[in-house]
């Protein structure tokens, strides 16, 4: 039944999408709102269910060339794990420290970790981009982002 990579990944994605859908149906609904906050998570969850079922039933010919393409070098695995750890730190400290500071630190640290050399350009982008995003969300869209320690 689970012969082939497509079937294994399809089953894993189906289980993930079922859990995601379960959690998205737990989101509260608000009256008098035509498109609620749960519309996009539910839509994405159902799309993932359909695509995972399609992937499960797709024919897969597992050749040696495909197996060689799936091999990830050790250096790349370390980079992926490092960025994942940085993202977890970002998520866990976002509410406490605030959006602007954490996003700036995340962009700067992640860029340095991935090998970007120019500190000046990296610092300018790391500071300007979160300020730009914060301004758009707070002042134009009226969506509050975590302030943290900054009195913005």
Protein backbone atom coordinates (compact mmCIF):
# COMPACT_ATOMS: atom_id res chain seq x y z
CA UNK A 1 0.00 0.00 0.00
CA UNK A 2 2.76 2.50 0.88
CA UNK A 3 5.15 1.64 -1.92
CA UNK A 4 6.66 4.72 -3.47
CA UNK A 5 7.52 8.12 -2.17
CA UNK A 6 4.35 9.79 -3.46
CA UNK A 7 2.13 7.53 -1.39
CA UNK A 8 4.14 8.05 1.79
CA UNK A 9 4.27 11.83 1.39
CA UNK A 10 0.60 11.92 0.35
CA UNK A 11 -0.41 10.05 3.51
CA UNK A 12 1.73 12.31 5.72
CA UNK A 13 0.31 15.44 4.08
CA UNK A 14 -3.22 14.09 4.45
CA UNK A 15 -2.72 13.53 8.17
CA UNK A 16 -1.19 16.99 8.57
CA UNK A 17 -4.05 18.60 6.66
CA UNK A 18 -6.63 16.72 8.75
CA UNK A 19 -5.01 18.05 11.93
CA UNK A 20 -4.77 21.52 10.43
CA UNK A 21 -8.44 21.44 9.44
CA UNK A 22 -9.42 20.25 12.91
CA UNK A 23 -7.58 23.19 14.45
CA UNK A 24 -8.97 25.68 11.91
CA UNK A 25 -12.52 24.59 12.73
CA UNK A 26 -11.77 25.42 16.38
CA UNK A 27 -11.23 29.12 15.50
CA UNK A 28 -14.02 31.35 16.80
CA UNK A 29 -16.51 32.81 14.36
CA UNK A 30 -17.73 36.36 14.59
CA UNK A 31 -21.24 37.52 13.67
CA UNK A 32 -21.85 40.23 11.08
CA UNK A 33 -18.61 39.56 9.20
CA UNK A 34 -19.01 38.35 5.60
CA UNK A 35 -15.56 36.72 5.39
CA UNK A 36 -14.41 35.54 8.79
CA UNK A 37 -10.84 35.01 9.98
CA UNK A 38 -11.24 31.26 9.62
CA UNK A 39 -12.03 31.36 5.88
CA UNK A 40 -8.44 31.23 4.63
CA UNK A 41 -7.22 28.50 7.04
CA UNK A 42 -10.20 26.31 6.18
CA UNK A 43 -9.77 26.88 2.44
CA UNK A 44 -6.05 26.10 2.59
CA UNK A 45 -6.74 22.99 4.67
CA UNK A 46 -9.25 21.64 2.16
CA UNK A 47 -6.92 22.40 -0.75
CA UNK A 48 -4.16 20.46 1.02
CA UNK A 49 -6.54 17.52 1.58
CA UNK A 50 -7.42 17.39 -2.13
CA UNK A 51 -3.80 17.73 -3.25
CA UNK A 52 -2.57 15.09 -0.79
CA UNK A 53 -5.19 12.63 -2.07
CA UNK A 54 -4.15 13.41 -5.66
CA UNK A 55 -0.49 12.87 -4.73
CA UNK A 56 -1.34 9.56 -3.05
CA UNK A 57 -2.91 8.20 -6.24
CA UNK A 58 -0.27 9.58 -8.62
CA UNK A 59 1.89 6.96 -10.30
CA UNK A 60 5.47 7.06 -9.07
CA UNK A 61 8.42 5.47 -10.81
CA UNK A 62 11.25 5.62 -8.29
CA UNK A 63 14.37 5.60 -10.45
CA UNK A 64 17.97 5.90 -9.34
CA UNK A 65 18.07 9.43 -10.76
CA UNK A 66 15.16 10.47 -8.54
CA UNK A 67 16.82 8.88 -5.52
CA UNK A 68 20.00 10.84 -6.26
CA UNK A 69 18.00 14.08 -6.50
CA UNK A 70 16.52 13.47 -3.03
CA UNK A 71 19.97 13.33 -1.44
CA UNK A 72 20.58 16.54 0.52
CA UNK A 73 24.19 17.43 1.31
CA UNK A 74 25.14 17.67 4.99
CA UNK A 75 25.92 21.39 4.62
CA UNK A 76 22.41 22.09 3.34
CA UNK A 77 20.82 20.06 6.15
CA UNK A 78 22.72 22.15 8.69
CA UNK A 79 21.49 25.34 6.99
CA UNK A 80 17.87 24.13 7.00
CA UNK A 81 18.04 23.12 10.66
CA UNK A 82 19.72 26.41 11.57
CA UNK A 83 17.04 28.51 9.86
CA UNK A 84 14.34 26.34 11.47
CA UNK A 85 15.86 26.96 14.92
CA UNK A 86 16.08 30.70 14.20
CA UNK A 87 12.41 30.68 13.14
CA UNK A 88 11.40 28.90 16.37
CA UNK A 89 13.31 31.47 18.42
CA UNK A 90 11.62 34.24 16.41
CA UNK A 91 8.16 32.79 17.02
CA UNK A 92 8.71 32.21 20.73
CA UNK A 93 10.05 35.72 21.41
CA UNK A 94 7.79 37.69 19.06
CA UNK A 95 5.15 38.64 21.65
CA UNK A 96 7.69 39.48 24.35
CA UNK A 97 10.26 41.48 22.38
CA UNK A 98 7.97 42.82 19.66
CA UNK A 99 7.56 42.58 15.91
CA UNK A 100 10.02 45.26 14.80
CA UNK A 101 12.97 44.17 16.96
CA UNK A 102 12.49 40.42 16.47
CA UNK A 103 11.99 40.72 12.72
CA UNK A 104 15.09 42.89 12.40
CA UNK A 105 17.14 40.44 14.48
CA UNK A 106 15.76 37.48 12.55
CA UNK A 107 16.53 38.97 9.14
CA UNK A 108 20.03 40.08 10.17
CA UNK A 109 20.93 36.81 11.91
CA UNK A 110 19.46 34.60 9.21
CA UNK A 111 21.23 36.53 6.46
CA UNK A 112 24.57 36.30 8.28
CA UNK A 113 23.99 32.59 8.97
CA UNK A 114 23.30 31.92 5.30
CA UNK A 115 26.48 33.68 4.24
CA UNK A 116 25.64 37.28 3.39
CA UNK A 117 28.79 39.35 3.95
CA UNK A 118 27.85 43.05 3.83
CA UNK A 119 26.96 44.12 7.38
CA UNK A 120 25.90 47.64 6.39
CA UNK A 121 23.41 46.58 3.72
CA UNK A 122 22.20 43.76 5.93
CA UNK A 123 21.62 46.16 8.85
CA UNK A 124 19.79 48.70 6.67
CA UNK A 125 17.47 46.07 5.19
CA UNK A 126 16.98 44.41 8.59
CA UNK A 127 15.82 47.67 10.11
CA UNK A 128 13.89 49.25 7.22
CA UNK A 129 11.89 46.19 6.18
CA UNK A 130 10.24 45.53 9.59
CA UNK A 131 9.52 49.24 10.05
CA UNK A 132 7.92 49.34 6.59
CA UNK A 133 5.81 46.25 7.32
CA UNK A 134 4.84 47.51 10.76
CA UNK A 135 3.75 50.84 9.27
CA UNK A 136 1.62 49.17 6.63
CA UNK A 137 -0.09 46.82 9.07
CA UNK A 138 -0.67 49.30 11.88
CA UNK A 139 -1.38 52.56 10.06
CA UNK A 140 -2.91 51.47 6.75
CA UNK A 141 -4.58 48.17 7.57
CA UNK A 142 -5.33 48.87 11.27
CA UNK A 143 -3.95 45.49 12.28
CA UNK A 144 -2.07 45.49 15.57
CA UNK A 145 1.27 43.74 15.64
CA UNK A 146 3.11 42.93 18.88
CA UNK A 147 4.83 46.08 20.14
CA UNK A 148 6.99 44.40 22.74
CA UNK A 149 9.42 46.76 24.43
CA UNK A 150 9.20 49.54 21.81
CA UNK A 151 6.67 52.35 22.47
CA UNK A 152 5.50 52.58 18.84
